[in-house]
Protein backbone atom coordinates (compact mmCIF):
# COMPACT_ATOMS: atom_id res chain seq x y z
CA MET A 1 -25.51 -28.71 -45.58
CA ALA A 2 -26.63 -30.19 -49.00
CA GLN A 3 -25.33 -33.07 -50.96
CA HIS A 4 -25.07 -33.17 -54.26
CA LYS A 5 -24.38 -35.78 -56.89
CA THR A 6 -22.97 -35.66 -60.49
CA LYS A 7 -21.41 -38.05 -63.29
CA CYS A 8 -18.39 -34.98 -63.51
CA LEU A 9 -16.98 -32.52 -61.20
CA ILE A 10 -14.80 -29.89 -62.46
CA ILE A 11 -12.96 -28.18 -59.99
CA GLY A 12 -11.94 -24.59 -61.24
CA SER A 13 -12.91 -22.34 -64.17
CA GLY A 14 -10.46 -20.72 -66.78
CA PRO A 15 -10.28 -21.50 -70.43
CA ALA A 16 -9.78 -25.45 -69.14
CA GLY A 17 -12.51 -25.63 -66.63
CA TYR A 18 -14.97 -23.88 -69.06
CA THR A 19 -13.94 -26.02 -71.98
CA ALA A 20 -14.07 -29.25 -69.98
CA ALA A 21 -17.53 -28.22 -69.09
CA ILE A 22 -18.71 -27.35 -72.86
CA TYR A 23 -17.49 -31.09 -73.54
CA ALA A 24 -19.16 -32.79 -70.56
CA SER A 25 -22.16 -31.43 -71.26
CA ARG A 26 -22.19 -32.10 -74.86
CA ALA A 27 -21.54 -35.41 -73.71
CA ASN A 28 -24.70 -35.20 -71.46
CA LEU A 29 -22.42 -36.04 -68.36
CA ASP A 30 -24.16 -33.16 -66.93
CA PRO A 31 -21.08 -31.16 -64.92
CA ILE A 32 -21.22 -29.33 -62.08
CA LEU A 33 -18.37 -26.73 -62.37
CA TYR A 34 -17.36 -24.61 -59.16
CA GLN A 35 -15.15 -21.52 -59.92
CA GLY A 36 -13.29 -21.14 -57.13
CA MET A 37 -11.78 -17.88 -55.90
CA GLN A 38 -11.35 -16.62 -59.06
CA PRO A 39 -13.93 -17.33 -61.87
CA GLY A 40 -12.30 -17.43 -65.22
CA GLY A 41 -8.74 -17.74 -63.73
CA GLN A 42 -5.86 -15.87 -64.41
CA LEU A 43 -7.09 -14.24 -68.04
CA THR A 44 -9.59 -12.26 -66.36
CA THR A 45 -6.18 -9.91 -65.13
CA THR A 46 -5.29 -9.56 -68.33
CA THR A 47 -6.81 -6.71 -70.20
CA GLU A 48 -6.20 -7.88 -73.84
CA VAL A 49 -5.56 -11.08 -75.55
CA GLU A 50 -4.36 -11.08 -79.24
CA ASN A 51 -3.19 -14.62 -79.15
CA PHE A 52 -6.54 -16.76 -78.48
CA PRO A 53 -7.90 -18.27 -82.39
CA GLY A 54 -10.79 -16.65 -83.14
CA TYR A 55 -11.02 -13.00 -81.98
CA PRO A 56 -8.76 -11.71 -85.07
CA LYS A 57 -9.21 -8.30 -83.54
CA GLY A 58 -8.35 -9.65 -80.03
CA ILE A 59 -10.38 -9.49 -76.66
CA THR A 60 -10.00 -8.74 -73.40
CA GLY A 61 -9.44 -11.78 -70.87
CA PRO A 62 -12.70 -11.35 -68.64
CA GLU A 63 -14.61 -11.07 -71.79
CA LEU A 64 -13.11 -13.95 -73.09
CA MET A 65 -13.68 -16.02 -70.25
CA ASP A 66 -17.44 -14.70 -70.32
CA ASP A 67 -18.08 -16.25 -73.56
CA LEU A 68 -16.55 -19.73 -72.72
CA ARG A 69 -18.77 -19.49 -69.60
CA LYS A 70 -21.78 -18.08 -71.73
CA GLN A 71 -20.72 -21.05 -73.99
CA ALA A 72 -20.61 -23.71 -71.31
CA ILE A 73 -23.77 -22.78 -69.93
CA ARG A 74 -25.67 -22.76 -73.63
CA PHE A 75 -25.23 -26.59 -72.92
CA ASN A 76 -26.69 -26.82 -69.43
CA ALA A 77 -23.55 -27.01 -67.44
CA ASP A 78 -24.20 -25.97 -63.82
CA ILE A 79 -21.60 -23.10 -63.12
CA ARG A 80 -21.68 -22.63 -59.23
CA THR A 81 -19.59 -20.53 -57.29
CA GLY A 82 -17.91 -21.93 -54.71
CA MET A 83 -14.61 -23.27 -53.26
CA VAL A 84 -13.51 -26.83 -52.85
CA VAL A 85 -11.46 -27.00 -49.28
CA LYS A 86 -11.40 -31.14 -48.72
CA VAL A 87 -11.43 -34.15 -51.05
CA ASN A 88 -12.06 -37.47 -50.45
CA PHE A 89 -10.70 -39.56 -53.58
CA GLU A 90 -9.48 -43.07 -51.91
CA LYS A 91 -12.31 -44.73 -53.89
CA ARG A 92 -15.24 -43.91 -56.68
CA PRO A 93 -17.97 -42.07 -55.58
CA PHE A 94 -14.98 -39.38 -55.09
CA ILE A 95 -16.22 -36.69 -52.21
CA ALA A 96 -15.41 -32.95 -52.70
CA GLU A 97 -16.34 -30.51 -49.62
CA LEU A 98 -17.05 -26.83 -50.32
CA GLU A 99 -16.30 -23.97 -47.96
CA ASN A 100 -19.57 -23.84 -47.01
CA GLY A 101 -20.06 -27.28 -45.71
CA ASP A 102 -21.87 -28.79 -48.82
CA THR A 103 -20.53 -32.16 -50.39
CA VAL A 104 -20.38 -33.31 -54.04
CA GLU A 105 -20.22 -36.80 -54.94
CA ALA A 106 -19.14 -37.61 -58.42
CA ASP A 107 -18.19 -40.62 -60.90
CA THR A 108 -15.11 -38.72 -62.23
CA VAL A 109 -13.46 -35.54 -61.31
CA ILE A 110 -11.54 -32.81 -63.48
CA ILE A 111 -8.97 -30.53 -61.77
CA ALA A 112 -8.39 -27.53 -63.27
CA THR A 113 -7.44 -25.09 -60.63
CA GLY A 114 -4.88 -23.67 -62.40
CA ALA A 115 -1.30 -22.26 -61.05
CA THR A 116 -0.86 -18.76 -59.66
CA ALA A 117 2.57 -16.86 -60.55
CA LYS A 118 4.88 -15.34 -58.33
CA TYR A 119 5.22 -12.10 -57.59
CA LEU A 120 8.00 -10.35 -55.57
CA GLY A 121 5.06 -8.55 -52.80
CA LEU A 122 5.18 -5.26 -54.11
CA PRO A 123 2.75 -2.95 -53.81
CA ASP A 124 3.34 -1.47 -57.38
CA GLU A 125 2.65 -4.76 -58.83
CA ASP A 126 -1.13 -4.93 -57.89
CA LYS A 127 -1.47 -1.20 -59.00
CA TYR A 128 0.13 -1.61 -62.35
CA LYS A 129 -0.83 -4.96 -62.81
CA GLY A 130 -2.44 -5.19 -66.78
CA MET A 131 -0.75 -1.32 -66.99
CA GLY A 132 2.99 -2.39 -67.36
CA VAL A 133 3.33 -5.84 -64.77
CA SER A 134 2.97 -9.02 -66.36
CA ALA A 135 3.28 -12.39 -65.65
CA CYS A 136 3.99 -13.85 -69.06
CA ALA A 137 6.16 -12.39 -71.71
CA THR A 138 4.31 -15.07 -74.54
CA CYS A 139 1.05 -13.32 -73.73
CA ASP A 140 2.03 -9.77 -73.47
CA GLY A 141 5.47 -9.17 -74.95
CA PHE A 142 3.74 -8.18 -78.53
CA PHE A 143 2.18 -4.66 -76.97
CA TYR A 144 6.23 -3.57 -75.85
CA ARG A 145 7.19 -3.81 -79.55
CA LYS A 146 10.43 -1.82 -80.55
CA ARG A 147 9.88 -0.34 -76.70
CA THR A 148 12.32 -1.36 -73.41
CA VAL A 149 11.32 -3.73 -70.71
CA ALA A 150 12.75 -5.75 -67.70
CA VAL A 151 12.28 -9.24 -66.69
CA VAL A 152 13.00 -10.25 -63.06
CA GLY A 153 14.57 -13.79 -62.49
CA GLY A 154 17.53 -16.14 -62.89
CA GLY A 155 16.70 -19.12 -64.03
CA ASP A 156 15.99 -20.50 -67.30
CA THR A 157 12.03 -19.73 -67.49
CA ALA A 158 13.35 -15.84 -66.91
CA CYS A 159 16.36 -16.37 -69.41
CA GLU A 160 13.82 -17.95 -71.90
CA GLU A 161 11.47 -14.52 -71.36
CA ALA A 162 14.55 -12.18 -71.67
CA LEU A 163 15.44 -13.69 -75.13
CA TYR A 164 11.50 -13.97 -76.29
CA LEU A 165 11.24 -9.90 -75.46
CA SER A 166 14.72 -9.46 -77.04
CA GLY A 167 13.02 -10.27 -80.59
CA ILE A 168 10.54 -7.61 -80.07
CA ALA A 169 11.78 -5.38 -77.98
CA ASN A 170 14.34 -2.72 -78.68
CA LYS A 171 16.08 -2.93 -75.13
CA VAL A 172 15.77 -5.99 -72.26
CA TYR A 173 17.03 -5.54 -68.68
CA LEU A 174 17.25 -8.70 -67.12
CA ILE A 175 16.78 -8.30 -62.83
CA VAL A 176 19.36 -11.11 -61.02
CA ARG A 177 19.10 -10.89 -57.14
CA LYS A 178 22.10 -13.22 -57.01
CA PRO A 179 25.69 -12.45 -58.65
CA ALA A 180 24.82 -15.18 -61.32
CA LEU A 181 22.59 -16.95 -63.46
CA ARG A 182 20.52 -20.13 -62.52
CA ALA A 183 19.88 -20.99 -65.51
CA SER A 184 21.16 -24.24 -67.85
CA LYS A 185 24.67 -23.06 -69.15
CA ILE A 186 23.71 -22.84 -73.04
CA MET A 187 20.62 -20.22 -71.48
CA GLN A 188 22.96 -18.45 -69.89
CA LYS A 189 25.32 -18.31 -73.20
CA ARG A 190 22.64 -17.09 -75.18
CA VAL A 191 21.62 -14.12 -72.80
CA LEU A 192 24.98 -12.94 -72.33
CA GLU A 193 25.62 -12.71 -75.92
CA LYS A 194 22.62 -10.88 -77.18
CA GLU A 195 23.60 -7.20 -77.89
CA ASN A 196 20.12 -5.87 -76.60
CA ILE A 197 19.67 -7.79 -73.26
CA THR A 198 21.80 -6.08 -70.21
CA VAL A 199 21.87 -8.14 -67.22
CA LEU A 200 21.55 -6.82 -63.70
CA PHE A 201 23.57 -8.97 -61.25
CA ASN A 202 22.76 -8.12 -57.38
CA CYS A 203 20.11 -6.34 -57.81
CA ASN A 204 16.46 -5.84 -56.52
CA THR A 205 13.65 -4.35 -57.58
CA VAL A 206 12.54 -2.17 -54.77
CA GLY A 207 9.61 0.16 -56.42
CA LEU A 208 7.80 0.76 -59.79
CA PHE A 209 7.08 4.04 -61.14
CA GLY A 210 4.95 6.05 -63.74
CA GLU A 211 2.07 8.38 -64.53
CA ASP A 212 -0.63 5.97 -65.75
CA ALA A 213 1.44 2.70 -66.65
CA VAL A 214 4.69 1.82 -65.75
CA GLU A 215 7.67 4.21 -66.84
CA GLY A 216 10.61 2.98 -64.85
CA ALA A 217 11.89 0.71 -62.07
CA LYS A 218 13.57 1.33 -58.29
CA ILE A 219 16.71 -0.97 -58.29
CA VAL A 220 19.02 -1.85 -55.24
CA GLU A 221 22.11 -3.17 -56.11
CA ASN A 222 24.14 -4.86 -53.11
CA LYS A 223 21.44 -4.72 -51.27
CA GLY A 224 22.55 -4.45 -46.99
CA THR A 225 26.61 -4.37 -48.06
CA GLU A 226 28.81 -1.45 -47.88
CA ASN A 227 28.48 -0.74 -51.69
CA GLU A 228 24.85 -0.78 -51.91
CA GLN A 229 23.53 1.91 -54.13
CA VAL A 230 20.10 2.72 -55.39
CA PHE A 231 19.62 3.73 -59.18
CA ASP A 232 16.30 3.93 -61.55
CA ILE A 233 16.10 2.41 -65.19
CA ALA A 234 13.39 3.25 -67.39
CA ILE A 235 11.16 1.01 -68.83
CA ASP A 236 7.85 0.39 -70.60
CA GLY A 237 7.01 -3.22 -69.28
CA PHE A 238 7.83 -5.26 -66.38
CA PHE A 239 7.94 -8.94 -66.13
CA LEU A 240 7.80 -11.32 -63.24
CA ALA A 241 9.54 -15.02 -64.35
CA ILE A 242 10.52 -16.01 -61.15
CA GLY A 243 7.96 -19.15 -61.20
CA HIS A 244 4.31 -20.30 -60.96
CA LYS A 245 2.91 -22.29 -57.71
CA PRO A 246 0.40 -24.62 -58.90
CA ASN A 247 -3.15 -25.03 -56.88
CA THR A 248 -2.76 -28.25 -55.77
CA GLU A 249 -2.42 -27.96 -51.91
CA VAL A 250 -6.06 -29.40 -51.22
CA PHE A 251 -5.29 -32.97 -53.45
CA LYS A 252 -2.06 -33.12 -52.07
CA PRO A 253 -2.95 -36.43 -50.13
CA TYR A 254 -3.94 -38.36 -53.10
CA ILE A 255 -2.91 -36.91 -56.21
CA GLU A 256 1.00 -37.28 -57.88
CA LEU A 257 2.61 -34.06 -58.29
CA ASP A 258 5.57 -33.19 -59.38
CA GLU A 259 8.84 -31.54 -57.59
CA ALA A 260 7.47 -28.02 -58.13
CA GLY A 261 3.83 -29.37 -57.12
CA PHE A 262 2.32 -30.12 -60.69
CA ILE A 263 -0.24 -32.59 -61.03
CA ILE A 264 1.51 -35.44 -63.23
CA THR A 265 -0.53 -37.29 -66.21
CA HIS A 266 -0.01 -40.41 -67.56
CA ASN A 267 0.48 -41.79 -71.06
CA ASN A 268 -0.09 -38.57 -73.04
CA THR A 269 -3.53 -38.19 -71.54
CA THR A 270 -5.04 -36.15 -68.71
CA ALA A 271 -5.69 -39.25 -66.55
CA THR A 272 -3.97 -38.99 -62.86
CA ASN A 273 -2.76 -41.78 -60.74
CA ILE A 274 -6.20 -42.61 -59.67
CA PRO A 275 -8.55 -43.64 -62.12
CA GLY A 276 -11.23 -41.69 -62.81
CA ILE A 277 -9.59 -38.31 -61.68
CA PHE A 278 -8.18 -36.22 -64.76
CA ALA A 279 -6.10 -32.89 -64.77
CA ALA A 280 -6.36 -30.10 -67.11
CA GLY A 281 -4.93 -26.59 -67.66
CA ASP A 282 -1.75 -24.67 -65.63
CA VAL A 283 -2.28 -27.08 -62.80
CA ALA A 284 -0.79 -29.82 -65.11
CA ASP A 285 1.47 -27.76 -66.98
CA PRO A 286 4.66 -25.76 -65.92
CA ARG A 287 5.69 -25.34 -69.49
CA TYR A 288 3.02 -23.86 -71.69
CA ARG A 289 0.69 -21.90 -69.65
CA GLN A 290 -1.31 -20.51 -72.34
CA GLY A 291 -5.25 -20.09 -72.74
CA ILE A 292 -5.39 -22.01 -75.90
CA SER A 293 -2.99 -25.04 -74.47
CA ALA A 294 -5.35 -25.11 -71.45
CA ALA A 295 -8.30 -25.26 -73.55
CA GLY A 296 -7.20 -27.69 -75.35
CA SER A 297 -6.12 -29.76 -72.59
CA GLY A 298 -10.11 -29.06 -71.15
CA CYS A 299 -11.08 -30.75 -73.89
CA ARG A 300 -9.17 -33.53 -73.48
CA ALA A 301 -10.37 -34.26 -69.77
CA ALA A 302 -13.64 -34.20 -70.87
CA ILE A 303 -13.25 -36.46 -73.40
CA ASP A 304 -10.99 -39.02 -71.04
CA ALA A 305 -13.46 -38.77 -68.15
CA GLU A 306 -16.51 -39.54 -70.92
CA ARG A 307 -14.48 -42.90 -72.25
CA PHE A 308 -13.62 -43.80 -68.23
CA LEU A 309 -17.40 -43.34 -67.42
CA MET A 310 -18.17 -45.86 -70.91
CA GLU A 311 -15.65 -48.18 -69.84
CA HIS A 312 -16.85 -48.36 -66.29
CA GLU A 313 -20.77 -48.76 -66.59
CA GLU A 314 -22.08 -51.03 -63.96
């Protein structure tokens, strides 16, 4: 078991982690970044990214993340494969323990572990991921211009996604497993009044089908009752809007979280409740969840870490 030391430990990759590594490296913080279970983050599961500035012709998610990674390495960021499984944030220097037993002693920490989209758990979701299945309408909605899509969920997020897609697609199904929407009254009103949105209440998706991509969904209405019936809807895209789970479990004993588990930052900075620990990207962002906003917060976190170290020079 090895012991390592750094001025700045970055936990997690993706746009936030890699951008933090670029800025921290240029500030001579000699950061160590651990990539976690999914190097590159959620964007590595996205086939085409067309809304990240600087790529006018678009780029695949894996290619984009590889570009950011290479840029961080160019400035001598120490990027390592590994998963932080335990931390001790009681005092500085902070301690992080890796799955292989190694430990890292860090003067500052940037948490960029992201958030994982919740799925229904259908085998077909994995089968068609990137081929019609998406958890981000803002990211992928453009590909379904004048086509037919479905959104799963009944809360504000689902209604927002359905309304957004209704301005792009010809038709939107909103699949709601309960007899009513959970969204705010104003969101309910907007959805129900939108001509090209059809709400399917008391419905569960039990499967997807298609040759090379999603072509339809199998729906069960009034599941488990005497009125149960099964039917298919023809769709080109299937969007999950049932929430995200922030990857914050390991930090719970120390870091202040909101009721959904997202890290709370303070005073319009990336600072957490513990001085010297910062959060960037989707792990602290239940609202936007975009690659570019994550990258921006990674920049801010590295600058915050640099300034913290300058103010606490011994």
